[in-house]
C-alpha atoms as a PDB file:
ATOM      1  CA  UNK A   1       2.084 -85.699 -26.272  1.00  0.00           C
ATOM      2  CA  UNK A   2      -0.508 -88.101 -26.746  1.00  0.00           C
ATOM      3  CA  UNK A   3      -2.091 -88.475 -29.951  1.00  0.00           C
ATOM      4  CA  UNK A   4      -5.564 -87.615 -30.198  1.00  0.00           C
ATOM      5  CA  UNK A   5      -7.995 -90.138 -31.363  1.00  0.00           C
ATOM      6  CA  UNK A   6     -10.452 -87.661 -32.802  1.00  0.00           C
ATOM      7  CA  UNK A   7      -8.812 -85.129 -35.133  1.00  0.00           C
ATOM      8  CA  UNK A   8     -12.027 -82.988 -35.180  1.00  0.00           C
ATOM      9  CA  UNK A   9     -11.955 -82.572 -31.663  1.00  0.00           C
ATOM     10  CA  UNK A  10      -8.279 -81.669 -31.628  1.00  0.00           C
ATOM     11  CA  UNK A  11      -9.057 -79.239 -34.409  1.00  0.00           C
ATOM     12  CA  UNK A  12     -11.686 -77.568 -32.322  1.00  0.00           C
ATOM     13  CA  UNK A  13      -9.287 -77.273 -29.260  1.00  0.00           C
ATOM     14  CA  UNK A  14      -6.745 -75.868 -31.358  1.00  0.00           C
ATOM     15  CA  UNK A  15      -9.081 -73.155 -32.760  1.00  0.00           C
ATOM     16  CA  UNK A  16     -10.207 -72.121 -29.287  1.00  0.00           C
ATOM     17  CA  UNK A  17      -6.478 -72.149 -28.046  1.00  0.00           C
ATOM     18  CA  UNK A  18      -5.666 -69.790 -31.145  1.00  0.00           C
ATOM     19  CA  UNK A  19      -8.722 -67.558 -30.317  1.00  0.00           C
ATOM     20  CA  UNK A  20      -7.609 -67.348 -26.502  1.00  0.00           C
ATOM     21  CA  UNK A  21      -3.985 -66.665 -27.681  1.00  0.00           C
ATOM     22  CA  UNK A  22      -5.283 -63.740 -29.955  1.00  0.00           C
ATOM     23  CA  UNK A  23      -7.442 -62.338 -27.213  1.00  0.00           C
ATOM     24  CA  UNK A  24      -4.481 -62.490 -24.764  1.00  0.00           C
ATOM     25  CA  UNK A  25      -2.344 -60.694 -27.438  1.00  0.00           C
ATOM     26  CA  UNK A  26      -4.925 -58.109 -27.839  1.00  0.00           C
ATOM     27  CA  UNK A  27      -5.273 -57.430 -24.162  1.00  0.00           C
ATOM     28  CA  UNK A  28      -1.470 -57.262 -23.855  1.00  0.00           C
ATOM     29  CA  UNK A  29      -1.232 -54.656 -26.874  1.00  0.00           C
ATOM     30  CA  UNK A  30      -4.014 -52.540 -24.927  1.00  0.00           C
ATOM     31  CA  UNK A  31      -2.090 -52.566 -21.677  1.00  0.00           C
ATOM     32  CA  UNK A  32       1.226 -51.770 -23.510  1.00  0.00           C
ATOM     33  CA  UNK A  33      -0.586 -48.849 -25.183  1.00  0.00           C
ATOM     34  CA  UNK A  34      -2.142 -47.686 -21.789  1.00  0.00           C
ATOM     35  CA  UNK A  35       1.322 -47.720 -20.076  1.00  0.00           C
ATOM     36  CA  UNK A  36       2.780 -45.676 -22.971  1.00  0.00           C
ATOM     37  CA  UNK A  37      -0.118 -43.161 -22.699  1.00  0.00           C
ATOM     38  CA  UNK A  38       0.472 -43.013 -18.950  1.00  0.00           C
ATOM     39  CA  UNK A  39       4.162 -42.605 -19.347  1.00  0.00           C
ATOM     40  CA  UNK A  40       3.593 -39.901 -22.059  1.00  0.00           C
ATOM     41  CA  UNK A  41       1.095 -38.006 -19.676  1.00  0.00           C
ATOM     42  CA  UNK A  42       3.579 -38.295 -16.885  1.00  0.00           C
ATOM     43  CA  UNK A  43       6.455 -36.850 -19.215  1.00  0.00           C
ATOM     44  CA  UNK A  44       4.181 -33.951 -20.099  1.00  0.00           C
ATOM     45  CA  UNK A  45       3.317 -33.191 -16.493  1.00  0.00           C
ATOM     46  CA  UNK A  46       6.887 -33.267 -15.440  1.00  0.00           C
ATOM     47  CA  UNK A  47       7.721 -30.919 -18.445  1.00  0.00           C
ATOM     48  CA  UNK A  48       4.906 -28.554 -17.728  1.00  0.00           C
ATOM     49  CA  UNK A  49       5.851 -28.487 -13.927  1.00  0.00           C
ATOM     50  CA  UNK A  50       9.442 -27.707 -14.830  1.00  0.00           C
ATOM     51  CA  UNK A  51       8.241 -24.932 -17.138  1.00  0.00           C
ATOM     52  CA  UNK A  52       6.091 -23.605 -14.456  1.00  0.00           C
ATOM     53  CA  UNK A  53       9.055 -23.589 -11.944  1.00  0.00           C
ATOM     54  CA  UNK A  54      11.137 -21.843 -14.406  1.00  0.00           C
ATOM     55  CA  UNK A  55       8.476 -19.000 -14.765  1.00  0.00           C
ATOM     56  CA  UNK A  56       8.171 -18.731 -11.003  1.00  0.00           C
ATOM     57  CA  UNK A  57      11.952 -18.516 -10.661  1.00  0.00           C
ATOM     58  CA  UNK A  58      12.151 -15.966 -13.504  1.00  0.00           C
ATOM     59  CA  UNK A  59       9.398 -13.787 -11.926  1.00  0.00           C
ATOM     60  CA  UNK A  60      11.366 -14.044  -8.613  1.00  0.00           C
ATOM     61  CA  UNK A  61      14.497 -13.100 -10.131  1.00  0.00           C
ATOM     62  CA  UNK A  62      12.861 -10.263 -11.940  1.00  0.00           C
ATOM     63  CA  UNK A  63      11.444  -9.180  -8.677  1.00  0.00           C
ATOM     64  CA  UNK A  64      14.737  -9.149  -7.096  1.00  0.00           C
ATOM     65  CA  UNK A  65      16.400  -7.548 -10.011  1.00  0.00           C
ATOM     66  CA  UNK A  66      13.787  -4.700  -9.806  1.00  0.00           C
ATOM     67  CA  UNK A  67      14.214  -4.258  -6.261  1.00  0.00           C
ATOM     68  CA  UNK A  68      18.106  -4.162  -6.589  1.00  0.00           C
ATOM     69  CA  UNK A  69      17.477  -1.395  -9.526  1.00  0.00           C
ATOM     70  CA  UNK A  70      15.183   0.626  -7.428  1.00  0.00           C
ATOM     71  CA  UNK A  71      17.582   0.449  -4.419  1.00  0.00           C
ATOM     72  CA  UNK A  72      20.507   1.559  -6.675  1.00  0.00           C
ATOM     73  CA  UNK A  73      18.387   4.324  -7.912  1.00  0.00           C
ATOM     74  CA  UNK A  74      17.517   5.501  -4.603  1.00  0.00           C
ATOM     75  CA  UNK A  75      21.224   5.500  -3.523  1.00  0.00           C
ATOM     76  CA  UNK A  76      22.121   7.470  -6.602  1.00  0.00           C
ATOM     77  CA  UNK A  77      19.546  10.017  -5.851  1.00  0.00           C
ATOM     78  CA  UNK A  78      20.554  10.329  -2.285  1.00  0.00           C
ATOM     79  CA  UNK A  79      24.133  10.737  -3.670  1.00  0.00           C
ATOM     80  CA  UNK A  80      22.941  13.502  -5.983  1.00  0.00           C
ATOM     81  CA  UNK A  81      20.848  15.199  -3.321  1.00  0.00           C
ATOM     82  CA  UNK A  82      24.034  15.232  -1.029  1.00  0.00           C
ATOM     83  CA  UNK A  83      26.161  16.696  -3.848  1.00  0.00           C
ATOM     84  CA  UNK A  84      23.654  19.354  -4.509  1.00  0.00           C
ATOM     85  CA  UNK A  85      23.576  20.143  -0.648  1.00  0.00           C
ATOM     86  CA  UNK A  86      27.304  20.361  -0.803  1.00  0.00           C
ATOM     87  CA  UNK A  87      27.592  22.457  -3.822  1.00  0.00           C
ATOM     88  CA  UNK A  88      24.951  25.011  -2.448  1.00  0.00           C
ATOM     89  CA  UNK A  89      27.000  25.396   0.714  1.00  0.00           C
ATOM     90  CA  UNK A  90      24.210  24.194   3.084  1.00  0.00           C
ATOM     91  CA  UNK A  91      26.508  21.347   4.486  1.00  0.00           C
ATOM     92  CA  UNK A  92      28.970  24.041   5.763  1.00  0.00           C
ATOM     93  CA  UNK A  93      26.341  26.053   7.368  1.00  0.00           C
ATOM     94  CA  UNK A  94      24.863  22.926   8.919  1.00  0.00           C
ATOM     95  CA  UNK A  95      28.128  22.220  10.489  1.00  0.00           C
ATOM     96  CA  UNK A  96      28.389  25.718  11.818  1.00  0.00           C
ATOM     97  CA  UNK A  97      24.905  25.296  13.376  1.00  0.00           C
ATOM     98  CA  UNK A  98      26.091  22.056  14.928  1.00  0.00           C
ATOM     99  CA  UNK A  99      29.292  23.433  16.335  1.00  0.00           C
ATOM    100  CA  UNK A 100      27.374  26.480  17.989  1.00  0.00           C
ATOM    101  CA  UNK A 101      24.280  25.180  19.449  1.00  0.00           C
ATOM    102  CA  UNK A 102      24.402  27.178  22.745  1.00  0.00           C
ATOM    103  CA  UNK A 103      23.971  30.724  20.776  1.00  0.00           C
ATOM    104  CA  UNK A 104      20.353  31.599  20.265  1.00  0.00           C
ATOM    105  CA  UNK A 105      21.395  34.113  17.675  1.00  0.00           C
ATOM    106  CA  UNK A 106      22.452  31.360  15.285  1.00  0.00           C
ATOM    107  CA  UNK A 107      19.174  29.358  15.753  1.00  0.00           C
ATOM    108  CA  UNK A 108      17.605  28.746  12.279  1.00  0.00           C
ATOM    109  CA  UNK A 109      14.204  26.845  12.123  1.00  0.00           C
ATOM    110  CA  UNK A 110      14.582  23.629   9.965  1.00  0.00           C
ATOM    111  CA  UNK A 111      11.821  24.802   7.369  1.00  0.00           C
ATOM    112  CA  UNK A 112      13.577  28.233   6.804  1.00  0.00           C
ATOM    113  CA  UNK A 113      17.061  26.294   6.810  1.00  0.00           C
ATOM    114  CA  UNK A 114      15.753  24.232   3.864  1.00  0.00           C
ATOM    115  CA  UNK A 115      14.421  27.073   1.885  1.00  0.00           C
ATOM    116  CA  UNK A 116      17.881  28.657   1.855  1.00  0.00           C
ATOM    117  CA  UNK A 117      17.367  31.526   4.366  1.00  0.00           C
ATOM    118  CA  UNK A 118      20.881  32.144   5.903  1.00  0.00           C
ATOM    119  CA  UNK A 119      20.052  34.524   8.715  1.00  0.00           C
ATOM    120  CA  UNK A 120      17.186  35.361  10.816  1.00  0.00           C
ATOM    121  CA  UNK A 121      16.357  38.641  12.458  1.00  0.00           C
ATOM    122  CA  UNK A 122      15.014  37.937  15.816  1.00  0.00           C
ATOM    123  CA  UNK A 123      12.926  40.733  17.492  1.00  0.00           C
ATOM    124  CA  UNK A 124      13.543  41.453  21.265  1.00  0.00           C
ATOM    125  CA  UNK A 125      10.908  39.497  23.396  1.00  0.00           C
ATOM    126  CA  UNK A 126       8.235  41.427  24.948  1.00  0.00           C
ATOM    127  CA  UNK A 127       7.561  40.492  28.640  1.00  0.00           C
ATOM    128  CA  UNK A 128       3.945  40.553  29.722  1.00  0.00           C
ATOM    129  CA  UNK A 129       5.089  41.539  33.211  1.00  0.00           C
ATOM    130  CA  UNK A 130       6.444  44.787  31.971  1.00  0.00           C
ATOM    131  CA  UNK A 131       3.326  45.462  30.069  1.00  0.00           C
ATOM    132  CA  UNK A 132       1.115  44.865  33.209  1.00  0.00           C
ATOM    133  CA  UNK A 133       3.179  47.147  35.316  1.00  0.00           C
ATOM    134  CA  UNK A 134       2.962  49.943  32.859  1.00  0.00           C
ATOM    135  CA  UNK A 135      -0.814  49.912  32.635  1.00  0.00           C
ATOM    136  CA  UNK A 136      -2.580  50.408  35.969  1.00  0.00           C
ATOM    137  CA  UNK A 137      -5.695  48.124  37.053  1.00  0.00           C
ATOM    138  CA  UNK A 138      -7.861  51.242  36.962  1.00  0.00           C
ATOM    139  CA  UNK A 139      -7.157  51.692  33.266  1.00  0.00           C
ATOM    140  CA  UNK A 140      -7.735  48.131  32.584  1.00  0.00           C
ATOM    141  CA  UNK A 141     -11.225  48.205  34.179  1.00  0.00           C
ATOM    142  CA  UNK A 142     -12.216  51.298  32.205  1.00  0.00           C
ATOM    143  CA  UNK A 143     -11.246  49.481  28.975  1.00  0.00           C
ATOM    144  CA  UNK A 144     -13.368  46.543  29.947  1.00  0.00           C
ATOM    145  CA  UNK A 145     -16.270  48.713  30.713  1.00  0.00           C
ATOM    146  CA  UNK A 146     -15.910  50.295  27.317  1.00  0.00           C
ATOM    147  CA  UNK A 147     -15.790  46.957  25.563  1.00  0.00           C
ATOM    148  CA  UNK A 148     -18.894  45.636  27.391  1.00  0.00           C
ATOM    149  CA  UNK A 149     -22.281  46.360  25.756  1.00  0.00           C
ATOM    150  CA  UNK A 150     -25.431  47.291  27.275  1.00  0.00           C
ATOM    151  CA  UNK A 151     -27.224  44.431  28.822  1.00  0.00           C
ATOM    152  CA  UNK A 152     -24.146  42.155  28.507  1.00  0.00           C
ATOM    153  CA  UNK A 153     -23.861  39.878  31.542  1.00  0.00           C
ATOM    154  CA  UNK A 154     -20.597  38.159  30.275  1.00  0.00           C
ATOM    155  CA  UNK A 155     -21.987  35.382  28.421  1.00  0.00           C
ATOM    156  CA  UNK A 156     -22.688  35.255  24.597  1.00  0.00           C
ATOM    157  CA  UNK A 157     -26.250  36.076  23.300  1.00  0.00           C
ATOM    158  CA  UNK A 158     -27.731  33.173  21.580  1.00  0.00           C
ATOM    159  CA  UNK A 159     -29.230  33.652  18.221  1.00  0.00           C
ATOM    160  CA  UNK A 160     -32.896  34.050  17.933  1.00  0.00           C
ATOM    161  CA  UNK A 161     -34.549  30.703  17.075  1.00  0.00           C
ATOM    162  CA  UNK A 162     -36.814  30.368  13.997  1.00  0.00           C
ATOM    163  CA  UNK A 163     -40.202  28.897  14.853  1.00  0.00           C
ATOM    164  CA  UNK A 164     -40.605  25.496  13.928  1.00  0.00           C
ATOM    165  CA  UNK A 165     -42.928  24.924  11.220  1.00  0.00           C
ATOM    166  CA  UNK A 166     -45.515  22.108  11.801  1.00  0.00           C
ATOM    167  CA  UNK A 167     -45.466  19.320   9.226  1.00  0.00           C
ATOM    168  CA  UNK A 168     -48.673  18.726   7.604  1.00  0.00           C
ATOM    169  CA  UNK A 169     -50.150  15.616   5.704  1.00  0.00           C
ATOM    170  CA  UNK A 170     -49.964  17.701   2.518  1.00  0.00           C
ATOM    171  CA  UNK A 171     -46.228  18.912   3.345  1.00  0.00           C
ATOM    172  CA  UNK A 172     -45.314  15.348   3.842  1.00  0.00           C
ATOM    173  CA  UNK A 173     -46.850  14.187   0.659  1.00  0.00           C
ATOM    174  CA  UNK A 174     -45.175  17.035  -1.294  1.00  0.00           C
ATOM    175  CA  UNK A 175     -41.789  15.827   0.231  1.00  0.00           C
ATOM    176  CA  UNK A 176     -42.516  12.424  -0.690  1.00  0.00           C
ATOM    177  CA  UNK A 177     -43.086  13.213  -4.286  1.00  0.00           C
ATOM    178  CA  UNK A 178     -40.150  15.671  -4.414  1.00  0.00           C
ATOM    179  CA  UNK A 179     -42.124  18.769  -4.934  1.00  0.00           C
ATOM    180  CA  UNK A 180     -40.758  20.555  -1.837  1.00  0.00           C
END
């Protein structure tokens, strides 16, 4: 390097150089602090994201576990119901119903079957044709005449209508104020 002829000027230049160096060092420290803060924020975001994922996975696992537990409970309930049916003897009677479906005597409606009714007494069927043959047409005509009332043409009599009241201004005002 060259020697300066003026030591005062060299001193001023050195002071400015040191000031610029101090400013640059301060800016550099600020940039380092900002990057550390940014890295810290990124780490906290990652940690929060991990925790949220863990919570979601736990919740999904809990839902799956609850579904499995409910499924097992329903299976146990079905098994218990089947055992109760076997103990009460309904299963054997059900098999006998399946084996003999062509017989009308063994028919048992489902509601009665579940109530526990074992047999059903079926009354003989009444045919309308036999009943019609027994009574003659003259007898039926007489019965119809007895059932008819005087002045009955065959249609229903309408009920007498109430005369419609005329709404007046005073009636409307009462209704408006809730007095009627």
